[in-house]
Amino acid sequence: MREEILFQVDTPYRHAQPVKGWYFGTPGEKSLAVMGALRGNEIQQMYICARLIRALEKLEKDGLLAEDCGILVVPCANQVSMNVGRRFWAADNTDINRMFPGYDQGESTQRIAARVFDALQGYRYGVHLTSFYLAGDLLPHVRIMETGYQQGEEALAFGLPYVLLRTPQPYDTTTLNYNWQIWETQAFSLYTHETERIDPADARQAVDAILRFLTVQGLSRQKVLAPAVPPVLFREGELHSVISAAGGLLLPVRWPGDRVRPGDVLGEIVDPCTCTVLETLRVDCSGQVFFLHHAQLISGHEVAFRILPEG
């Protein structure tokens, strides 16, 4: 294991913040790069990387990494926002993950993205531990951008229950996942239940998924168990969104992972002052709850639930 400062982020009124990477395996080999927190509230994503570093250190010490394997793990590239409790860049509220491939002469987040991308470029595989743009609880899954360069079947190697294929929208073209693929890295975004709160079991599942991927791809000789249930591969457009019509307090009675049938009640939206029921949210298909709006206070015309239909 080799710890290295990849670059430093200069900020006003504070010391320069180093962005560190941990290398494993054969020097010069670029097999897998893992990127953790690019946003200031992605505490769980940073913690997963820390757990992964410990696991890879043991694999390397035990001689279980393949001879032609080289792995880089970067737990966090946005300590500045994390230190002040902001999700996006503290100075101007911009998102580093909307700035790739970056511009080394641009604004702060453009320069950070350029330095991150320079450190991560050239790897055969890339895994981004990221958070969903909607605040909510969702089922763990691997997400792939359909750029024309993707190889969706390789995502099955993680062994997570779901693999989601997303058709890129214009705003997706500035994300790490998209640009990794354009520059010939097979990129996967790995989503877990938590973001701002540490969940050790959730983190263990993510670490086990990455270790399983290494074994399946021949980068590790560690023995791993096959998933109990074959992963489900589907396109994001197949998800059914349940949109709120009223604003108020969201009181869910169904949670991610629950199976539902047409007509089942998912939750209620009540008046925050009188608890009068303003809306009863129901499902219109059979399937599984995939996403639940996180905040108890919800506005009208927001995604309250997303359902993955059966079949």
Foldseek 3Di string as FASTA:
>chain_A
DDKDFLDWADDPPDDTHTFIKDKAADPPAFAEEEEFDQFQQQPQRLVLLVVLVVVRVVQRVVVFFDNRDMYMYTSYLQVPCNVVVGGDRPPPRDGLQQQPPADCPDDRSSNSNVSVNVVNAPHQAYEYADEDPFAWFFAKEKEAEPPVQEDQVLRQQLQGQEYEYEHDDPSNCRGPRNVNSVRNHHYIYIYWGDGNDHDPVRSVSNSSSVVSSCVVVVRGNDDDDHHPDRHYYDYPVQKDFFFAAAWAFWAAPADFFDWDAFFDWGTFGAHNVPRHTPDTTTDHHTFGWGIARHGRTDHGGDGGTIGRHDD
